[in-house]
Amino acid sequence: MYINLPDKRYYKIGEVAKAFDVNTSLIRFWDKEFDILKPKKNGKGNRMFTPEDVKNLQMIYHLVKERGFTLEGAKKKMKSNPEGIKDNHEIIARLERIKNELLQIKNQL
C-alpha cells in the first residue's frame, strides 16, 4: 500500500489513520497489540508517530489487511523474520511508487 505522507518528524494519529484509510481506533488498537509500535505521547497524551512507526504500521497493514493474517499470526511472522518482511515490504512499496509515477505520466500524455 502506497502511503502519501509529508516528510515530518511526527505524525498525529488522525494523519496516519487517514493515510491508511482506517479509523483512529484501529491504529490505537494496533498500538496496544504490537510491541514494535512505540509512538511518543505529547503533554495531552496524544500519540505522535515517527516515520519508523509509520513503516511498521505499513508492515502490519500489509500482513493483516492485504495478506489476511490474524493478529497473532502477524505478530509471529514479524518476530520470526522481521528483516525479510521489512525487505519485501520495502520492495513492494518502491514498486507501487514507480507504478503511481508511471500512471501519472500516462495521464499527462
C-alpha atoms as a PDB file:
ATOM      1  CA  MET A   1       0.000   0.000   0.000  1.00  0.00           C
ATOM      2  CA  TYR A   2       1.376   3.370  -1.013  1.00  0.00           C
ATOM      3  CA  ILE A   3       1.190   5.916   1.810  1.00  0.00           C
ATOM      4  CA  ASN A   4       1.335   9.576   0.897  1.00  0.00           C
ATOM      5  CA  LEU A   5       2.505  11.500   3.954  1.00  0.00           C
ATOM      6  CA  PRO A   6       4.648  14.644   4.003  1.00  0.00           C
ATOM      7  CA  ASP A   7       8.152  14.406   5.449  1.00  0.00           C
ATOM      8  CA  LYS A   8       7.764  15.236   9.114  1.00  0.00           C
ATOM      9  CA  ARG A   9       9.290  14.173  12.406  1.00  0.00           C
ATOM     10  CA  TYR A  10       5.965  13.243  13.950  1.00  0.00           C
ATOM     11  CA  TYR A  11       2.507  12.473  12.601  1.00  0.00           C
ATOM     12  CA  LYS A  12      -0.745  12.787  14.511  1.00  0.00           C
ATOM     13  CA  ILE A  13      -2.906   9.705  14.767  1.00  0.00           C
ATOM     14  CA  GLY A  14      -5.544  11.316  12.541  1.00  0.00           C
ATOM     15  CA  GLU A  15      -3.000  11.878   9.761  1.00  0.00           C
ATOM     16  CA  VAL A  16      -1.830   8.286   9.987  1.00  0.00           C
ATOM     17  CA  ALA A  17      -5.367   6.891  10.032  1.00  0.00           C
ATOM     18  CA  LYS A  18      -6.331   8.995   7.014  1.00  0.00           C
ATOM     19  CA  ALA A  19      -3.229   7.861   5.097  1.00  0.00           C
ATOM     20  CA  PHE A  20      -4.126   4.210   5.732  1.00  0.00           C
ATOM     21  CA  ASP A  21      -7.855   4.861   5.214  1.00  0.00           C
ATOM     22  CA  VAL A  22      -8.770   3.305   8.570  1.00  0.00           C
ATOM     23  CA  ASN A  23     -10.309   4.567  11.799  1.00  0.00           C
ATOM     24  CA  THR A  24      -8.110   6.045  14.509  1.00  0.00           C
ATOM     25  CA  SER A  25      -9.438   3.359  16.860  1.00  0.00           C
ATOM     26  CA  LEU A  26      -7.787   0.679  14.711  1.00  0.00           C
ATOM     27  CA  ILE A  27      -4.451   2.490  14.902  1.00  0.00           C
ATOM     28  CA  ARG A  28      -4.817   2.744  18.705  1.00  0.00           C
ATOM     29  CA  PHE A  29      -5.715  -0.963  18.867  1.00  0.00           C
ATOM     30  CA  TRP A  30      -2.674  -1.961  16.813  1.00  0.00           C
ATOM     31  CA  ASP A  31      -0.531   0.286  19.031  1.00  0.00           C
ATOM     32  CA  LYS A  32      -1.650  -1.729  22.068  1.00  0.00           C
ATOM     33  CA  GLU A  33      -1.301  -5.107  20.339  1.00  0.00           C
ATOM     34  CA  PHE A  34       2.069  -4.755  18.595  1.00  0.00           C
ATOM     35  CA  ASP A  35       5.188  -4.106  20.671  1.00  0.00           C
ATOM     36  CA  ILE A  36       7.044  -2.862  17.603  1.00  0.00           C
ATOM     37  CA  LEU A  37       4.963   0.346  17.625  1.00  0.00           C
ATOM     38  CA  LYS A  38       6.244   2.931  20.068  1.00  0.00           C
ATOM     39  CA  PRO A  39       4.603   6.294  19.370  1.00  0.00           C
ATOM     40  CA  LYS A  40       5.564   9.199  21.579  1.00  0.00           C
ATOM     41  CA  LYS A  41       2.871  10.906  23.613  1.00  0.00           C
ATOM     42  CA  ASN A  42       2.725  14.660  23.979  1.00  0.00           C
ATOM     43  CA  GLY A  43       1.672  16.518  27.120  1.00  0.00           C
ATOM     44  CA  LYS A  44      -2.006  15.931  26.374  1.00  0.00           C
ATOM     45  CA  GLY A  45      -1.442  12.201  25.885  1.00  0.00           C
ATOM     46  CA  ASN A  46      -1.922  12.291  22.106  1.00  0.00           C
ATOM     47  CA  ARG A  47       0.059   9.722  20.134  1.00  0.00           C
ATOM     48  CA  MET A  48       2.708  11.127  17.825  1.00  0.00           C
ATOM     49  CA  PHE A  49       4.007   8.596  15.294  1.00  0.00           C
ATOM     50  CA  THR A  50       7.541   8.732  13.883  1.00  0.00           C
ATOM     51  CA  PRO A  51       8.332   7.767  10.272  1.00  0.00           C
ATOM     52  CA  GLU A  52       9.687   4.460  11.651  1.00  0.00           C
ATOM     53  CA  ASP A  53       6.330   3.826  13.338  1.00  0.00           C
ATOM     54  CA  VAL A  54       4.584   4.513  10.025  1.00  0.00           C
ATOM     55  CA  LYS A  55       6.821   1.944   8.291  1.00  0.00           C
ATOM     56  CA  ASN A  56       5.964  -0.593  10.980  1.00  0.00           C
ATOM     57  CA  LEU A  57       2.277   0.227  10.563  1.00  0.00           C
ATOM     58  CA  GLN A  58       2.658  -0.385   6.832  1.00  0.00           C
ATOM     59  CA  MET A  59       4.055  -3.855   7.562  1.00  0.00           C
ATOM     60  CA  ILE A  60       1.214  -4.586   9.982  1.00  0.00           C
ATOM     61  CA  TYR A  61      -1.362  -3.294   7.490  1.00  0.00           C
ATOM     62  CA  HIS A  62       0.172  -5.417   4.738  1.00  0.00           C
ATOM     63  CA  LEU A  63       0.106  -8.591   6.822  1.00  0.00           C
ATOM     64  CA  VAL A  64      -3.330  -8.115   8.394  1.00  0.00           C
ATOM     65  CA  LYS A  65      -5.384  -6.309   5.746  1.00  0.00           C
ATOM     66  CA  GLU A  66      -3.738  -7.309   2.473  1.00  0.00           C
ATOM     67  CA  ARG A  67      -2.471 -10.826   3.199  1.00  0.00           C
ATOM     68  CA  GLY A  68      -5.226 -11.807   5.655  1.00  0.00           C
ATOM     69  CA  PHE A  69      -3.095 -12.748   8.661  1.00  0.00           C
ATOM     70  CA  THR A  70      -4.680 -12.867  12.097  1.00  0.00           C
ATOM     71  CA  LEU A  71      -3.175 -10.544  14.706  1.00  0.00           C
ATOM     72  CA  GLU A  72      -1.413 -13.473  16.367  1.00  0.00           C
ATOM     73  CA  GLY A  73      -0.163 -14.711  13.004  1.00  0.00           C
ATOM     74  CA  ALA A  74       1.140 -11.253  12.105  1.00  0.00           C
ATOM     75  CA  LYS A  75       2.916 -10.977  15.474  1.00  0.00           C
ATOM     76  CA  LYS A  76       4.585 -14.363  14.981  1.00  0.00           C
ATOM     77  CA  LYS A  77       5.585 -13.538  11.418  1.00  0.00           C
ATOM     78  CA  MET A  78       7.097 -10.214  12.450  1.00  0.00           C
ATOM     79  CA  LYS A  79       9.031 -11.838  15.321  1.00  0.00           C
ATOM     80  CA  SER A  80      10.263 -14.820  13.310  1.00  0.00           C
ATOM     81  CA  ASN A  81      11.522 -12.941  10.250  1.00  0.00           C
ATOM     82  CA  PRO A  82      11.366  -9.162  10.754  1.00  0.00           C
ATOM     83  CA  GLU A  83      14.108  -8.328   8.245  1.00  0.00           C
ATOM     84  CA  GLY A  84      12.612 -10.479   5.496  1.00  0.00           C
ATOM     85  CA  ILE A  85       9.208  -8.860   5.905  1.00  0.00           C
ATOM     86  CA  LYS A  86      10.777  -5.417   6.023  1.00  0.00           C
ATOM     87  CA  ASP A  87      12.834  -6.051   2.869  1.00  0.00           C
ATOM     88  CA  ASN A  88       9.863  -7.482   0.972  1.00  0.00           C
ATOM     89  CA  HIS A  89       7.643  -4.638   2.081  1.00  0.00           C
ATOM     90  CA  GLU A  90      10.200  -2.022   1.010  1.00  0.00           C
ATOM     91  CA  ILE A  91      10.443  -3.632  -2.422  1.00  0.00           C
ATOM     92  CA  ILE A  92       6.651  -3.677  -2.776  1.00  0.00           C
ATOM     93  CA  ALA A  93       6.394  -0.047  -1.642  1.00  0.00           C
ATOM     94  CA  ARG A  94       9.091   1.007  -4.115  1.00  0.00           C
ATOM     95  CA  LEU A  95       7.306  -0.776  -6.958  1.00  0.00           C
ATOM     96  CA  GLU A  96       3.999   0.867  -6.010  1.00  0.00           C
ATOM     97  CA  ARG A  97       5.647   4.313  -6.067  1.00  0.00           C
ATOM     98  CA  ILE A  98       7.055   3.578  -9.533  1.00  0.00           C
ATOM     99  CA  LYS A  99       3.627   2.405 -10.688  1.00  0.00           C
ATOM    100  CA  ASN A 100       1.997   5.596  -9.399  1.00  0.00           C
ATOM    101  CA  GLU A 101       4.605   7.741 -11.146  1.00  0.00           C
ATOM    102  CA  LEU A 102       4.100   5.860 -14.409  1.00  0.00           C
ATOM    103  CA  LEU A 103       0.325   6.258 -14.139  1.00  0.00           C
ATOM    104  CA  GLN A 104       0.767  10.000 -13.586  1.00  0.00           C
ATOM    105  CA  ILE A 105       2.980  10.228 -16.678  1.00  0.00           C
ATOM    106  CA  LYS A 106       0.425   8.217 -18.678  1.00  0.00           C
ATOM    107  CA  ASN A 107      -2.378  10.568 -17.598  1.00  0.00           C
ATOM    108  CA  GLN A 108      -0.353  13.596 -18.669  1.00  0.00           C
ATOM    109  CA  LEU A 109       0.089  12.254 -22.202  1.00  0.00           C
END
